[in-house]
C-alpha atoms as a PDB file:
ATOM      1  CA  UNK A   1     -18.502 108.447 134.053  1.00  0.00           C
ATOM      2  CA  UNK A   2     -18.902 111.770 131.789  1.00  0.00           C
ATOM      3  CA  UNK A   3     -18.936 110.028 128.659  1.00  0.00           C
ATOM      4  CA  UNK A   4     -22.849 108.822 129.188  1.00  0.00           C
ATOM      5  CA  UNK A   5     -23.498 112.696 129.774  1.00  0.00           C
ATOM      6  CA  UNK A   6     -21.076 114.237 127.167  1.00  0.00           C
ATOM      7  CA  UNK A   7     -21.814 111.703 124.205  1.00  0.00           C
ATOM      8  CA  UNK A   8     -25.764 112.659 124.091  1.00  0.00           C
ATOM      9  CA  UNK A   9     -25.374 116.452 125.595  1.00  0.00           C
ATOM     10  CA  UNK A  10     -27.918 118.983 124.569  1.00  0.00           C
ATOM     11  CA  UNK A  11     -30.298 116.152 123.673  1.00  0.00           C
ATOM     12  CA  UNK A  12     -32.294 115.479 126.760  1.00  0.00           C
ATOM     13  CA  UNK A  13     -32.825 119.806 127.166  1.00  0.00           C
ATOM     14  CA  UNK A  14     -33.899 119.847 123.606  1.00  0.00           C
ATOM     15  CA  UNK A  15     -37.083 118.124 124.568  1.00  0.00           C
ATOM     16  CA  UNK A  16     -38.139 121.387 125.735  1.00  0.00           C
ATOM     17  CA  UNK A  17     -38.079 123.358 122.783  1.00  0.00           C
ATOM     18  CA  UNK A  18     -41.539 122.644 121.672  1.00  0.00           C
ATOM     19  CA  UNK A  19     -42.614 123.553 125.399  1.00  0.00           C
ATOM     20  CA  UNK A  20     -41.005 126.627 125.585  1.00  0.00           C
ATOM     21  CA  UNK A  21     -42.838 129.820 123.824  1.00  0.00           C
ATOM     22  CA  UNK A  22     -41.409 133.800 123.490  1.00  0.00           C
ATOM     23  CA  UNK A  23     -38.059 134.757 124.239  1.00  0.00           C
ATOM     24  CA  UNK A  24     -37.086 131.557 126.123  1.00  0.00           C
ATOM     25  CA  UNK A  25     -37.769 129.752 123.181  1.00  0.00           C
ATOM     26  CA  UNK A  26     -36.023 131.537 121.044  1.00  0.00           C
ATOM     27  CA  UNK A  27     -32.815 132.135 123.214  1.00  0.00           C
ATOM     28  CA  UNK A  28     -33.054 128.677 124.492  1.00  0.00           C
ATOM     29  CA  UNK A  29     -32.713 127.609 120.893  1.00  0.00           C
ATOM     30  CA  UNK A  30     -29.866 130.387 119.989  1.00  0.00           C
ATOM     31  CA  UNK A  31     -27.791 128.367 123.002  1.00  0.00           C
ATOM     32  CA  UNK A  32     -28.907 124.225 121.764  1.00  0.00           C
ATOM     33  CA  UNK A  33     -27.622 125.796 118.454  1.00  0.00           C
ATOM     34  CA  UNK A  34     -24.182 126.301 119.562  1.00  0.00           C
ATOM     35  CA  UNK A  35     -24.354 123.179 121.570  1.00  0.00           C
ATOM     36  CA  UNK A  36     -24.732 121.429 118.169  1.00  0.00           C
ATOM     37  CA  UNK A  37     -22.229 122.775 116.757  1.00  0.00           C
ATOM     38  CA  UNK A  38     -23.603 125.835 115.417  1.00  0.00           C
ATOM     39  CA  UNK A  39     -24.453 123.725 111.670  1.00  0.00           C
ATOM     40  CA  UNK A  40     -20.498 122.719 112.013  1.00  0.00           C
ATOM     41  CA  UNK A  41     -20.548 119.056 112.574  1.00  0.00           C
ATOM     42  CA  UNK A  42     -17.295 118.702 114.003  1.00  0.00           C
ATOM     43  CA  UNK A  43     -18.090 121.284 116.178  1.00  0.00           C
ATOM     44  CA  UNK A  44     -21.141 119.275 117.861  1.00  0.00           C
ATOM     45  CA  UNK A  45     -20.248 118.977 122.056  1.00  0.00           C
ATOM     46  CA  UNK A  46     -20.913 115.298 121.203  1.00  0.00           C
ATOM     47  CA  UNK A  47     -18.520 114.801 118.456  1.00  0.00           C
ATOM     48  CA  UNK A  48     -16.023 117.035 120.308  1.00  0.00           C
ATOM     49  CA  UNK A  49     -15.652 114.687 123.576  1.00  0.00           C
ATOM     50  CA  UNK A  50     -15.938 111.826 121.132  1.00  0.00           C
ATOM     51  CA  UNK A  51     -12.926 113.240 119.875  1.00  0.00           C
ATOM     52  CA  UNK A  52     -11.511 113.742 123.492  1.00  0.00           C
ATOM     53  CA  UNK A  53     -12.331 110.409 124.451  1.00  0.00           C
ATOM     54  CA  UNK A  54     -10.725 108.912 121.006  1.00  0.00           C
ATOM     55  CA  UNK A  55      -7.327 110.857 121.736  1.00  0.00           C
ATOM     56  CA  UNK A  56      -7.013 109.525 124.890  1.00  0.00           C
ATOM     57  CA  UNK A  57      -7.370 105.873 124.225  1.00  0.00           C
ATOM     58  CA  UNK A  58     -10.562 105.340 125.353  1.00  0.00           C
ATOM     59  CA  UNK A  59     -13.560 104.016 123.220  1.00  0.00           C
ATOM     60  CA  UNK A  60     -16.085 106.759 121.947  1.00  0.00           C
ATOM     61  CA  UNK A  61     -19.267 105.039 121.219  1.00  0.00           C
ATOM     62  CA  UNK A  62     -22.220 106.120 123.456  1.00  0.00           C
ATOM     63  CA  UNK A  63     -22.956 103.785 126.202  1.00  0.00           C
ATOM     64  CA  UNK A  64     -19.596 102.297 126.024  1.00  0.00           C
ATOM     65  CA  UNK A  65     -19.187 102.093 129.622  1.00  0.00           C
ATOM     66  CA  UNK A  66     -22.196 101.827 130.840  1.00  0.00           C
ATOM     67  CA  UNK A  67     -21.440  98.736 132.834  1.00  0.00           C
ATOM     68  CA  UNK A  68     -18.290 100.500 134.317  1.00  0.00           C
ATOM     69  CA  UNK A  69     -19.444 103.650 135.954  1.00  0.00           C
ATOM     70  CA  UNK A  70     -21.626 104.002 139.593  1.00  0.00           C
ATOM     71  CA  UNK A  71     -25.538 104.583 139.860  1.00  0.00           C
ATOM     72  CA  UNK A  72     -24.259 108.055 140.884  1.00  0.00           C
ATOM     73  CA  UNK A  73     -23.505 108.841 137.260  1.00  0.00           C
ATOM     74  CA  UNK A  74     -26.492 106.822 135.690  1.00  0.00           C
ATOM     75  CA  UNK A  75     -28.635 109.186 138.476  1.00  0.00           C
ATOM     76  CA  UNK A  76     -26.865 112.672 136.518  1.00  0.00           C
ATOM     77  CA  UNK A  77     -28.016 111.255 133.171  1.00  0.00           C
ATOM     78  CA  UNK A  78     -31.521 109.968 134.071  1.00  0.00           C
ATOM     79  CA  UNK A  79     -32.601 113.054 135.899  1.00  0.00           C
ATOM     80  CA  UNK A  80     -31.574 114.882 132.577  1.00  0.00           C
ATOM     81  CA  UNK A  81     -33.849 112.580 130.859  1.00  0.00           C
ATOM     82  CA  UNK A  82     -36.772 112.411 132.908  1.00  0.00           C
ATOM     83  CA  UNK A  83     -37.133 116.208 133.202  1.00  0.00           C
ATOM     84  CA  UNK A  84     -36.517 116.610 128.920  1.00  0.00           C
ATOM     85  CA  UNK A  85     -39.324 113.623 129.142  1.00  0.00           C
ATOM     86  CA  UNK A  86     -42.497 115.319 130.539  1.00  0.00           C
ATOM     87  CA  UNK A  87     -43.858 118.377 129.990  1.00  0.00           C
ATOM     88  CA  UNK A  88     -45.259 119.091 133.076  1.00  0.00           C
ATOM     89  CA  UNK A  89     -41.359 119.139 133.915  1.00  0.00           C
ATOM     90  CA  UNK A  90     -40.058 121.721 131.890  1.00  0.00           C
ATOM     91  CA  UNK A  91     -39.412 124.204 134.132  1.00  0.00           C
ATOM     92  CA  UNK A  92     -36.849 122.104 136.462  1.00  0.00           C
ATOM     93  CA  UNK A  93     -35.928 120.990 132.678  1.00  0.00           C
ATOM     94  CA  UNK A  94     -34.974 124.597 131.768  1.00  0.00           C
ATOM     95  CA  UNK A  95     -33.825 124.927 135.468  1.00  0.00           C
ATOM     96  CA  UNK A  96     -31.355 122.249 135.218  1.00  0.00           C
ATOM     97  CA  UNK A  97     -29.849 123.280 131.686  1.00  0.00           C
ATOM     98  CA  UNK A  98     -29.303 126.941 133.052  1.00  0.00           C
ATOM     99  CA  UNK A  99     -27.689 125.368 136.172  1.00  0.00           C
ATOM    100  CA  UNK A 100     -24.935 123.363 133.543  1.00  0.00           C
ATOM    101  CA  UNK A 101     -24.539 126.601 131.670  1.00  0.00           C
ATOM    102  CA  UNK A 102     -23.909 128.743 134.596  1.00  0.00           C
ATOM    103  CA  UNK A 103     -21.500 126.448 136.347  1.00  0.00           C
ATOM    104  CA  UNK A 104     -19.543 125.204 133.247  1.00  0.00           C
ATOM    105  CA  UNK A 105     -17.250 127.723 132.110  1.00  0.00           C
ATOM    106  CA  UNK A 106     -14.850 127.909 135.201  1.00  0.00           C
ATOM    107  CA  UNK A 107     -14.148 124.273 135.515  1.00  0.00           C
ATOM    108  CA  UNK A 108     -13.756 123.714 132.025  1.00  0.00           C
ATOM    109  CA  UNK A 109     -11.078 126.786 132.824  1.00  0.00           C
ATOM    110  CA  UNK A 110      -9.862 124.773 134.801  1.00  0.00           C
ATOM    111  CA  UNK A 111      -9.631 121.610 133.492  1.00  0.00           C
ATOM    112  CA  UNK A 112      -8.002 123.118 130.531  1.00  0.00           C
ATOM    113  CA  UNK A 113      -5.477 124.566 132.061  1.00  0.00           C
ATOM    114  CA  UNK A 114      -4.727 120.956 133.819  1.00  0.00           C
ATOM    115  CA  UNK A 115      -4.283 119.072 130.527  1.00  0.00           C
ATOM    116  CA  UNK A 116      -2.510 121.767 129.219  1.00  0.00           C
ATOM    117  CA  UNK A 117       0.192 121.835 131.579  1.00  0.00           C
ATOM    118  CA  UNK A 118       0.345 117.346 130.782  1.00  0.00           C
ATOM    119  CA  UNK A 119       0.592 118.185 127.308  1.00  0.00           C
ATOM    120  CA  UNK A 120      -2.485 116.383 126.553  1.00  0.00           C
ATOM    121  CA  UNK A 121      -3.995 115.824 122.895  1.00  0.00           C
ATOM    122  CA  UNK A 122      -5.253 118.906 121.457  1.00  0.00           C
ATOM    123  CA  UNK A 123      -8.729 116.888 120.782  1.00  0.00           C
ATOM    124  CA  UNK A 124      -8.560 116.790 124.802  1.00  0.00           C
ATOM    125  CA  UNK A 125      -8.374 119.854 125.276  1.00  0.00           C
ATOM    126  CA  UNK A 126     -10.377 121.764 122.218  1.00  0.00           C
ATOM    127  CA  UNK A 127     -13.891 120.078 124.239  1.00  0.00           C
ATOM    128  CA  UNK A 128     -13.164 121.740 127.134  1.00  0.00           C
ATOM    129  CA  UNK A 129     -11.772 125.566 125.668  1.00  0.00           C
ATOM    130  CA  UNK A 130     -14.947 125.348 123.608  1.00  0.00           C
ATOM    131  CA  UNK A 131     -17.112 125.415 126.960  1.00  0.00           C
ATOM    132  CA  UNK A 132     -15.033 128.214 128.251  1.00  0.00           C
ATOM    133  CA  UNK A 133     -15.941 130.716 125.297  1.00  0.00           C
ATOM    134  CA  UNK A 134     -20.024 129.465 124.433  1.00  0.00           C
ATOM    135  CA  UNK A 135     -20.876 128.829 128.229  1.00  0.00           C
ATOM    136  CA  UNK A 136     -19.900 132.327 129.767  1.00  0.00           C
ATOM    137  CA  UNK A 137     -21.681 133.787 126.804  1.00  0.00           C
ATOM    138  CA  UNK A 138     -24.899 131.164 127.040  1.00  0.00           C
ATOM    139  CA  UNK A 139     -24.973 132.317 130.964  1.00  0.00           C
ATOM    140  CA  UNK A 140     -25.961 135.547 130.325  1.00  0.00           C
ATOM    141  CA  UNK A 141     -28.368 134.430 127.639  1.00  0.00           C
ATOM    142  CA  UNK A 142     -29.807 131.428 130.156  1.00  0.00           C
ATOM    143  CA  UNK A 143     -30.296 133.860 133.201  1.00  0.00           C
ATOM    144  CA  UNK A 144     -31.527 136.822 131.281  1.00  0.00           C
ATOM    145  CA  UNK A 145     -33.370 135.708 127.980  1.00  0.00           C
ATOM    146  CA  UNK A 146     -34.433 132.021 129.068  1.00  0.00           C
ATOM    147  CA  UNK A 147     -34.994 131.631 132.835  1.00  0.00           C
ATOM    148  CA  UNK A 148     -36.032 135.283 132.855  1.00  0.00           C
ATOM    149  CA  UNK A 149     -38.400 135.331 130.226  1.00  0.00           C
ATOM    150  CA  UNK A 150     -40.033 131.889 131.129  1.00  0.00           C
ATOM    151  CA  UNK A 151     -40.445 132.741 134.784  1.00  0.00           C
ATOM    152  CA  UNK A 152     -41.979 136.268 133.488  1.00  0.00           C
ATOM    153  CA  UNK A 153     -44.541 134.508 131.380  1.00  0.00           C
ATOM    154  CA  UNK A 154     -44.988 131.739 133.784  1.00  0.00           C
ATOM    155  CA  UNK A 155     -44.329 132.534 136.835  1.00  0.00           C
ATOM    156  CA  UNK A 156     -45.687 129.182 138.756  1.00  0.00           C
ATOM    157  CA  UNK A 157     -43.049 127.718 136.990  1.00  0.00           C
ATOM    158  CA  UNK A 158     -39.821 129.542 139.562  1.00  0.00           C
ATOM    159  CA  UNK A 159     -40.503 126.992 141.904  1.00  0.00           C
ATOM    160  CA  UNK A 160     -39.457 123.951 139.342  1.00  0.00           C
ATOM    161  CA  UNK A 161     -36.708 125.882 137.902  1.00  0.00           C
ATOM    162  CA  UNK A 162     -35.246 125.753 141.593  1.00  0.00           C
ATOM    163  CA  UNK A 163     -35.766 122.528 141.546  1.00  0.00           C
ATOM    164  CA  UNK A 164     -34.109 121.801 138.372  1.00  0.00           C
ATOM    165  CA  UNK A 165     -31.243 123.430 139.499  1.00  0.00           C
ATOM    166  CA  UNK A 166     -31.631 121.793 143.046  1.00  0.00           C
ATOM    167  CA  UNK A 167     -31.993 118.045 141.709  1.00  0.00           C
ATOM    168  CA  UNK A 168     -28.777 118.120 139.321  1.00  0.00           C
ATOM    169  CA  UNK A 169     -26.674 120.179 142.540  1.00  0.00           C
ATOM    170  CA  UNK A 170     -27.836 116.712 144.340  1.00  0.00           C
ATOM    171  CA  UNK A 171     -26.871 114.623 141.917  1.00  0.00           C
ATOM    172  CA  UNK A 172     -23.819 116.136 140.805  1.00  0.00           C
ATOM    173  CA  UNK A 173     -22.864 116.158 144.596  1.00  0.00           C
ATOM    174  CA  UNK A 174     -23.626 112.603 145.017  1.00  0.00           C
ATOM    175  CA  UNK A 175     -21.298 111.804 142.444  1.00  0.00           C
ATOM    176  CA  UNK A 176     -18.887 114.055 143.181  1.00  0.00           C
ATOM    177  CA  UNK A 177     -18.350 112.820 146.526  1.00  0.00           C
ATOM    178  CA  UNK A 178     -18.058 109.340 145.381  1.00  0.00           C
ATOM    179  CA  UNK A 179     -15.516 109.935 143.125  1.00  0.00           C
ATOM    180  CA  UNK A 180     -13.423 111.542 145.667  1.00  0.00           C
ATOM    181  CA  UNK A 181     -14.264 109.050 148.236  1.00  0.00           C
ATOM    182  CA  UNK A 182     -12.680 106.040 145.981  1.00  0.00           C
ATOM    183  CA  UNK A 183      -9.457 108.236 145.229  1.00  0.00           C
ATOM    184  CA  UNK A 184      -8.674 109.163 148.760  1.00  0.00           C
ATOM    185  CA  UNK A 185      -9.258 105.238 149.424  1.00  0.00           C
ATOM    186  CA  UNK A 186      -7.069 104.687 146.455  1.00  0.00           C
ATOM    187  CA  UNK A 187      -9.372 102.630 144.369  1.00  0.00           C
ATOM    188  CA  UNK A 188     -11.247 103.479 141.107  1.00  0.00           C
ATOM    189  CA  UNK A 189     -14.577 105.275 141.288  1.00  0.00           C
ATOM    190  CA  UNK A 190     -15.592 102.314 138.554  1.00  0.00           C
ATOM    191  CA  UNK A 191     -17.618  99.633 139.042  1.00  0.00           C
ATOM    192  CA  UNK A 192     -15.137  97.166 136.580  1.00  0.00           C
ATOM    193  CA  UNK A 193     -12.158  98.290 135.197  1.00  0.00           C
ATOM    194  CA  UNK A 194     -11.765  99.285 131.925  1.00  0.00           C
ATOM    195  CA  UNK A 195      -9.950  96.384 129.429  1.00  0.00           C
END
């Protein structure tokens, strides 16, 4: 499910860069710089996830599992792309981005703990470990310097920022509900089995 998002992580949000000004722009670019590995190709988050997939015996190519994932997984990625591609939705794009950065660190911590208990390969753990530390810092920067500055400069975008946060919650909750319902029913949440 997550390969569709994580193998293009940060790309749709990058469309917001030319649509921001001032501190919001500078801080957003600083966070995106981290998402793109801080100048180190091996640390690009997309690459870390590709390494995770490879270590788990999965195809790390972008869209390799497009035909396998349910519509709810596509909705999550399409929402991010929709916001990124439309200037008038820049507030929603920033809200979506903020929601990810603010919520990912605790979940990443739980995944690191679980993967380590399972003895997973280090490449599987590294992606989530990176998100524990990086996103804990990003959370504060995004709250104050990106969202705070954007809304202070353009108060009319506050509703759009909130919309981006809530829209992400809706699509993520739908995907989570689908996955959990399938697991409870003892079946795969994928549309077709991986071969």
